[in-house]
């Protein structure tokens, strides 16, 4: 298992509003629970690490949900 799968990130990015989120639970290399304090999003699949977010943003594959 790689080092980044072992340690928890400092924050996640909410895919709904792009805000950093500090209220989350990280288990076995992925998001188990998360809450965005800005928009209220609680759907774990809509949170990304900074590295994941950058990968989507720079690839051009990113689009805002529902927009």
Protein backbone atom coordinates (compact mmCIF):
# COMPACT_ATOMS: atom_id res chain seq x y z
CA UNK A 1 0.00 0.00 0.00
CA UNK A 2 1.37 3.46 -0.86
CA UNK A 3 2.12 6.15 1.73
CA UNK A 4 -0.76 8.37 0.61
CA UNK A 5 -3.25 5.52 1.16
CA UNK A 6 -2.09 5.21 4.75
CA UNK A 7 -2.22 8.82 5.94
CA UNK A 8 -5.26 11.07 6.03
CA UNK A 9 -5.19 14.32 4.04
CA UNK A 10 -5.39 17.63 5.92
CA UNK A 11 -8.54 18.57 4.03
CA UNK A 12 -10.84 17.51 1.20
CA UNK A 13 -12.43 19.64 -1.51
CA UNK A 14 -16.20 19.67 -1.90
CA UNK A 15 -17.16 19.10 -5.54
CA UNK A 16 -20.40 21.06 -5.12
CA UNK A 17 -18.87 24.37 -4.02
CA UNK A 18 -15.08 23.81 -4.25
CA UNK A 19 -14.60 24.72 -0.58
CA UNK A 20 -11.98 23.01 1.57
CA UNK A 21 -13.59 20.68 4.10
CA UNK A 22 -11.99 19.75 7.38
CA UNK A 23 -14.86 17.68 8.83
CA UNK A 24 -14.39 14.17 7.47
CA UNK A 25 -13.50 10.61 8.40
CA UNK A 26 -10.78 8.85 6.42
CA UNK A 27 -10.67 5.03 6.49
CA UNK A 28 -8.44 2.65 4.55
CA UNK A 29 -7.34 5.25 2.01
CA UNK A 30 -10.70 6.82 1.20
CA UNK A 31 -13.43 9.10 2.52
CA UNK A 32 -15.81 7.30 4.88
CA UNK A 33 -17.84 10.36 5.92
CA UNK A 34 -17.64 14.07 5.13
CA UNK A 35 -19.61 17.26 5.65
CA UNK A 36 -19.11 20.54 3.83
CA UNK A 37 -19.77 23.35 6.29
CA UNK A 38 -20.32 25.81 3.42
CA UNK A 39 -22.97 24.09 1.27
CA UNK A 40 -24.04 21.15 3.47
CA UNK A 41 -22.96 18.43 1.03
CA UNK A 42 -22.67 15.02 2.71
CA UNK A 43 -22.31 12.74 -0.33
CA UNK A 44 -18.89 11.12 0.16
CA UNK A 45 -18.38 10.54 -3.55
CA UNK A 46 -18.47 14.33 -4.04
CA UNK A 47 -15.33 15.00 -2.00
CA UNK A 48 -11.82 14.80 -3.43
CA UNK A 49 -8.33 15.16 -2.08
CA UNK A 50 -6.37 18.12 -3.43
CA UNK A 51 -4.36 15.74 -5.62
CA UNK A 52 -7.50 14.13 -7.07
CA UNK A 53 -9.12 17.51 -7.67
CA UNK A 54 -6.04 18.86 -9.47
CA UNK A 55 -6.02 15.78 -11.69
CA UNK A 56 -9.62 16.38 -12.77
CA UNK A 57 -9.25 20.15 -13.13
CA UNK A 58 -6.12 19.99 -15.26
CA UNK A 59 -7.39 17.16 -17.45
CA UNK A 60 -10.47 19.16 -18.51
CA UNK A 61 -12.72 16.34 -17.28
CA UNK A 62 -14.18 18.39 -14.45
CA UNK A 63 -17.68 19.84 -14.64
CA UNK A 64 -19.84 21.18 -11.85
CA UNK A 65 -22.64 18.88 -10.83
CA UNK A 66 -25.98 20.09 -12.16
CA UNK A 67 -24.50 22.99 -14.16
